[in-house]
Amino acid sequence: MSLLAKFKSLTKETFKNQFIRFILASGANTIFGFLAFSFFIFLGFYYPIAVFFSTICGILFNFQTIGRFVFFSKNNLLIFRFIGVYVVTYLLFTAGVGTLIHFHANAYISGAIMVLPIGITSFLLNKKFVFKK
């Protein structure tokens, strides 16, 4: 088997894994969110307004990437459940960071510690409650 054939086979197998697709989509979503925020700042929006609009754009973009790429869903009616998961993970992330800060952890470290558990929680909630089959 040639090196190219091995690479194609490995890539195909990797993309069969739903969690790997979720991680890739999350990376793309992060880049999109930052670019949207930067765009609104560039347009002269005050930063809380830029955060607000970039969050709305991010939710819509994330819904499409996670729905289509990760869970192979084109059902746009699931957006309301998706927003519910977003709210839950936001609250969990905020509570987790706040708890760690309460115990004198640095805010940056606290956020970094919470990324993995919140990412896994988001994946599981989306799989079970939003894009369930």
C-alpha atoms as a PDB file:
ATOM      1  CA  MET A   1       0.000   0.000   0.000  1.00  0.00           C
ATOM      2  CA  SER A   2       1.429   3.348  -0.984  1.00  0.00           C
ATOM      3  CA  LEU A   3       1.993   6.157   1.470  1.00  0.00           C
ATOM      4  CA  LEU A   4      -0.791   8.199  -0.150  1.00  0.00           C
ATOM      5  CA  ALA A   5      -3.216   5.275   0.104  1.00  0.00           C
ATOM      6  CA  LYS A   6      -2.317   4.817   3.784  1.00  0.00           C
ATOM      7  CA  PHE A   7      -2.889   8.537   4.399  1.00  0.00           C
ATOM      8  CA  LYS A   8      -6.288   8.427   2.652  1.00  0.00           C
ATOM      9  CA  SER A   9      -7.295   5.372   4.665  1.00  0.00           C
ATOM     10  CA  LEU A  10      -6.199   6.967   7.947  1.00  0.00           C
ATOM     11  CA  THR A  11      -8.015  10.199   7.097  1.00  0.00           C
ATOM     12  CA  LYS A  12     -11.200   8.325   6.200  1.00  0.00           C
ATOM     13  CA  GLU A  13     -11.095   6.370   9.460  1.00  0.00           C
ATOM     14  CA  THR A  14     -10.373   9.499  11.486  1.00  0.00           C
ATOM     15  CA  PHE A  15     -13.359  11.353  10.033  1.00  0.00           C
ATOM     16  CA  LYS A  16     -15.648   8.447  10.946  1.00  0.00           C
ATOM     17  CA  ASN A  17     -15.112   9.370  14.593  1.00  0.00           C
ATOM     18  CA  GLN A  18     -17.833  11.799  15.641  1.00  0.00           C
ATOM     19  CA  PHE A  19     -15.831  13.256  18.536  1.00  0.00           C
ATOM     20  CA  ILE A  20     -12.858  14.002  16.242  1.00  0.00           C
ATOM     21  CA  ARG A  21     -15.248  15.813  13.881  1.00  0.00           C
ATOM     22  CA  PHE A  22     -16.603  17.724  16.903  1.00  0.00           C
ATOM     23  CA  ILE A  23     -13.087  18.840  17.880  1.00  0.00           C
ATOM     24  CA  LEU A  24     -12.361  19.979  14.313  1.00  0.00           C
ATOM     25  CA  ALA A  25     -15.677  21.837  14.087  1.00  0.00           C
ATOM     26  CA  SER A  26     -15.004  23.460  17.469  1.00  0.00           C
ATOM     27  CA  GLY A  27     -11.649  24.718  16.208  1.00  0.00           C
ATOM     28  CA  ALA A  28     -13.284  26.208  13.119  1.00  0.00           C
ATOM     29  CA  ASN A  29     -16.014  27.727  15.311  1.00  0.00           C
ATOM     30  CA  THR A  30     -13.442  29.353  17.573  1.00  0.00           C
ATOM     31  CA  ILE A  31     -11.667  30.933  14.611  1.00  0.00           C
ATOM     32  CA  PHE A  32     -14.981  32.120  13.154  1.00  0.00           C
ATOM     33  CA  GLY A  33     -16.064  33.629  16.495  1.00  0.00           C
ATOM     34  CA  PHE A  34     -12.821  35.529  16.881  1.00  0.00           C
ATOM     35  CA  LEU A  35     -12.988  36.800  13.293  1.00  0.00           C
ATOM     36  CA  ALA A  36     -16.609  37.917  13.780  1.00  0.00           C
ATOM     37  CA  PHE A  37     -15.660  39.731  17.001  1.00  0.00           C
ATOM     38  CA  SER A  38     -12.685  41.351  15.261  1.00  0.00           C
ATOM     39  CA  PHE A  39     -14.900  42.415  12.357  1.00  0.00           C
ATOM     40  CA  PHE A  40     -17.354  44.193  14.658  1.00  0.00           C
ATOM     41  CA  ILE A  41     -14.510  45.870  16.538  1.00  0.00           C
ATOM     42  CA  PHE A  42     -13.041  46.967  13.180  1.00  0.00           C
ATOM     43  CA  LEU A  43     -16.414  48.497  12.288  1.00  0.00           C
ATOM     44  CA  GLY A  44     -16.164  50.599  15.455  1.00  0.00           C
ATOM     45  CA  PHE A  45     -18.617  48.748  17.701  1.00  0.00           C
ATOM     46  CA  TYR A  46     -18.120  49.130  21.456  1.00  0.00           C
ATOM     47  CA  TYR A  47     -16.685  45.809  22.703  1.00  0.00           C
ATOM     48  CA  PRO A  48     -19.798  44.547  24.608  1.00  0.00           C
ATOM     49  CA  ILE A  49     -21.873  45.108  21.479  1.00  0.00           C
ATOM     50  CA  ALA A  50     -19.200  43.400  19.377  1.00  0.00           C
ATOM     51  CA  VAL A  51     -19.281  40.436  21.781  1.00  0.00           C
ATOM     52  CA  PHE A  52     -23.082  40.302  21.591  1.00  0.00           C
ATOM     53  CA  PHE A  53     -23.252  40.297  17.786  1.00  0.00           C
ATOM     54  CA  SER A  54     -20.301  37.955  17.355  1.00  0.00           C
ATOM     55  CA  THR A  55     -21.924  35.540  19.826  1.00  0.00           C
ATOM     56  CA  ILE A  56     -25.150  35.525  17.816  1.00  0.00           C
ATOM     57  CA  CYS A  57     -23.196  34.962  14.593  1.00  0.00           C
ATOM     58  CA  GLY A  58     -21.136  32.290  16.343  1.00  0.00           C
ATOM     59  CA  ILE A  59     -24.181  30.379  17.576  1.00  0.00           C
ATOM     60  CA  LEU A  60     -25.687  30.341  14.089  1.00  0.00           C
ATOM     61  CA  PHE A  61     -22.389  29.291  12.500  1.00  0.00           C
ATOM     62  CA  ASN A  62     -21.679  26.689  15.198  1.00  0.00           C
ATOM     63  CA  PHE A  63     -25.150  25.208  14.826  1.00  0.00           C
ATOM     64  CA  GLN A  64     -24.492  24.619  11.143  1.00  0.00           C
ATOM     65  CA  THR A  65     -20.981  23.212  11.512  1.00  0.00           C
ATOM     66  CA  ILE A  66     -21.805  20.958  14.438  1.00  0.00           C
ATOM     67  CA  GLY A  67     -25.171  19.941  13.012  1.00  0.00           C
ATOM     68  CA  ARG A  68     -24.019  19.181   9.481  1.00  0.00           C
ATOM     69  CA  PHE A  69     -20.371  18.156   9.868  1.00  0.00           C
ATOM     70  CA  VAL A  70     -20.488  16.364  13.217  1.00  0.00           C
ATOM     71  CA  PHE A  71     -24.014  14.934  13.411  1.00  0.00           C
ATOM     72  CA  PHE A  72     -25.038  14.995   9.710  1.00  0.00           C
ATOM     73  CA  SER A  73     -28.242  16.902  10.486  1.00  0.00           C
ATOM     74  CA  LYS A  74     -29.911  19.534   8.328  1.00  0.00           C
ATOM     75  CA  ASN A  75     -32.869  20.077  10.681  1.00  0.00           C
ATOM     76  CA  ASN A  76     -32.851  23.819  11.416  1.00  0.00           C
ATOM     77  CA  LEU A  77     -35.660  23.443  13.966  1.00  0.00           C
ATOM     78  CA  LEU A  78     -33.098  22.002  16.376  1.00  0.00           C
ATOM     79  CA  ILE A  79     -31.600  25.490  16.828  1.00  0.00           C
ATOM     80  CA  PHE A  80     -33.677  26.070  19.971  1.00  0.00           C
ATOM     81  CA  ARG A  81     -32.319  22.944  21.669  1.00  0.00           C
ATOM     82  CA  PHE A  82     -28.842  23.928  20.510  1.00  0.00           C
ATOM     83  CA  ILE A  83     -29.225  27.340  22.144  1.00  0.00           C
ATOM     84  CA  GLY A  84     -30.361  25.543  25.310  1.00  0.00           C
ATOM     85  CA  VAL A  85     -27.139  23.508  25.325  1.00  0.00           C
ATOM     86  CA  TYR A  86     -25.194  26.728  24.748  1.00  0.00           C
ATOM     87  CA  VAL A  87     -26.855  28.299  27.809  1.00  0.00           C
ATOM     88  CA  VAL A  88     -26.171  25.230  29.973  1.00  0.00           C
ATOM     89  CA  THR A  89     -22.512  25.036  28.971  1.00  0.00           C
ATOM     90  CA  TYR A  90     -22.119  28.788  29.472  1.00  0.00           C
ATOM     91  CA  LEU A  91     -23.513  28.505  33.001  1.00  0.00           C
ATOM     92  CA  LEU A  92     -21.357  25.456  33.798  1.00  0.00           C
ATOM     93  CA  PHE A  93     -18.235  27.151  32.414  1.00  0.00           C
ATOM     94  CA  THR A  94     -18.923  30.337  34.353  1.00  0.00           C
ATOM     95  CA  ALA A  95     -19.631  28.412  37.567  1.00  0.00           C
ATOM     96  CA  GLY A  96     -16.503  26.299  37.136  1.00  0.00           C
ATOM     97  CA  VAL A  97     -14.250  29.282  36.507  1.00  0.00           C
ATOM     98  CA  GLY A  98     -15.852  31.145  39.395  1.00  0.00           C
ATOM     99  CA  THR A  99     -15.322  28.201  41.735  1.00  0.00           C
ATOM    100  CA  LEU A 100     -11.668  27.854  40.767  1.00  0.00           C
ATOM    101  CA  ILE A 101     -11.117  31.584  41.171  1.00  0.00           C
ATOM    102  CA  HIS A 102     -12.783  31.382  44.595  1.00  0.00           C
ATOM    103  CA  PHE A 103     -10.057  28.897  45.545  1.00  0.00           C
ATOM    104  CA  HIS A 104      -7.439  31.420  44.380  1.00  0.00           C
ATOM    105  CA  ALA A 105      -6.724  30.007  40.927  1.00  0.00           C
ATOM    106  CA  ASN A 106      -5.741  32.420  38.176  1.00  0.00           C
ATOM    107  CA  ALA A 107      -8.635  33.295  35.814  1.00  0.00           C
ATOM    108  CA  TYR A 108      -6.630  32.221  32.735  1.00  0.00           C
ATOM    109  CA  ILE A 109      -5.696  28.888  34.308  1.00  0.00           C
ATOM    110  CA  SER A 110      -9.282  28.411  35.500  1.00  0.00           C
ATOM    111  CA  GLY A 111     -10.603  28.953  31.988  1.00  0.00           C
ATOM    112  CA  ALA A 112      -8.034  26.573  30.544  1.00  0.00           C
ATOM    113  CA  ILE A 113      -8.920  23.899  33.110  1.00  0.00           C
ATOM    114  CA  MET A 114     -12.610  24.177  32.229  1.00  0.00           C
ATOM    115  CA  VAL A 115     -12.188  23.907  28.446  1.00  0.00           C
ATOM    116  CA  LEU A 116     -11.915  20.112  28.277  1.00  0.00           C
ATOM    117  CA  PRO A 117     -14.789  19.206  30.634  1.00  0.00           C
ATOM    118  CA  ILE A 118     -17.054  21.799  29.024  1.00  0.00           C
ATOM    119  CA  GLY A 119     -16.101  20.584  25.544  1.00  0.00           C
ATOM    120  CA  ILE A 120     -16.962  16.996  26.471  1.00  0.00           C
ATOM    121  CA  THR A 121     -20.186  18.145  28.148  1.00  0.00           C
ATOM    122  CA  SER A 122     -21.142  20.140  25.057  1.00  0.00           C
ATOM    123  CA  PHE A 123     -20.507  17.150  22.799  1.00  0.00           C
ATOM    124  CA  LEU A 124     -22.549  14.804  24.991  1.00  0.00           C
ATOM    125  CA  LEU A 125     -25.455  17.232  25.423  1.00  0.00           C
ATOM    126  CA  ASN A 126     -25.581  17.940  21.691  1.00  0.00           C
ATOM    127  CA  LYS A 127     -25.457  14.227  20.920  1.00  0.00           C
ATOM    128  CA  LYS A 128     -28.128  13.265  23.476  1.00  0.00           C
ATOM    129  CA  PHE A 129     -30.536  16.199  23.420  1.00  0.00           C
ATOM    130  CA  VAL A 130     -30.081  18.152  20.195  1.00  0.00           C
ATOM    131  CA  PHE A 131     -28.964  15.884  17.373  1.00  0.00           C
ATOM    132  CA  LYS A 132     -30.200  12.560  18.770  1.00  0.00           C
ATOM    133  CA  LYS A 133     -31.215   9.966  16.219  1.00  0.00           C
END
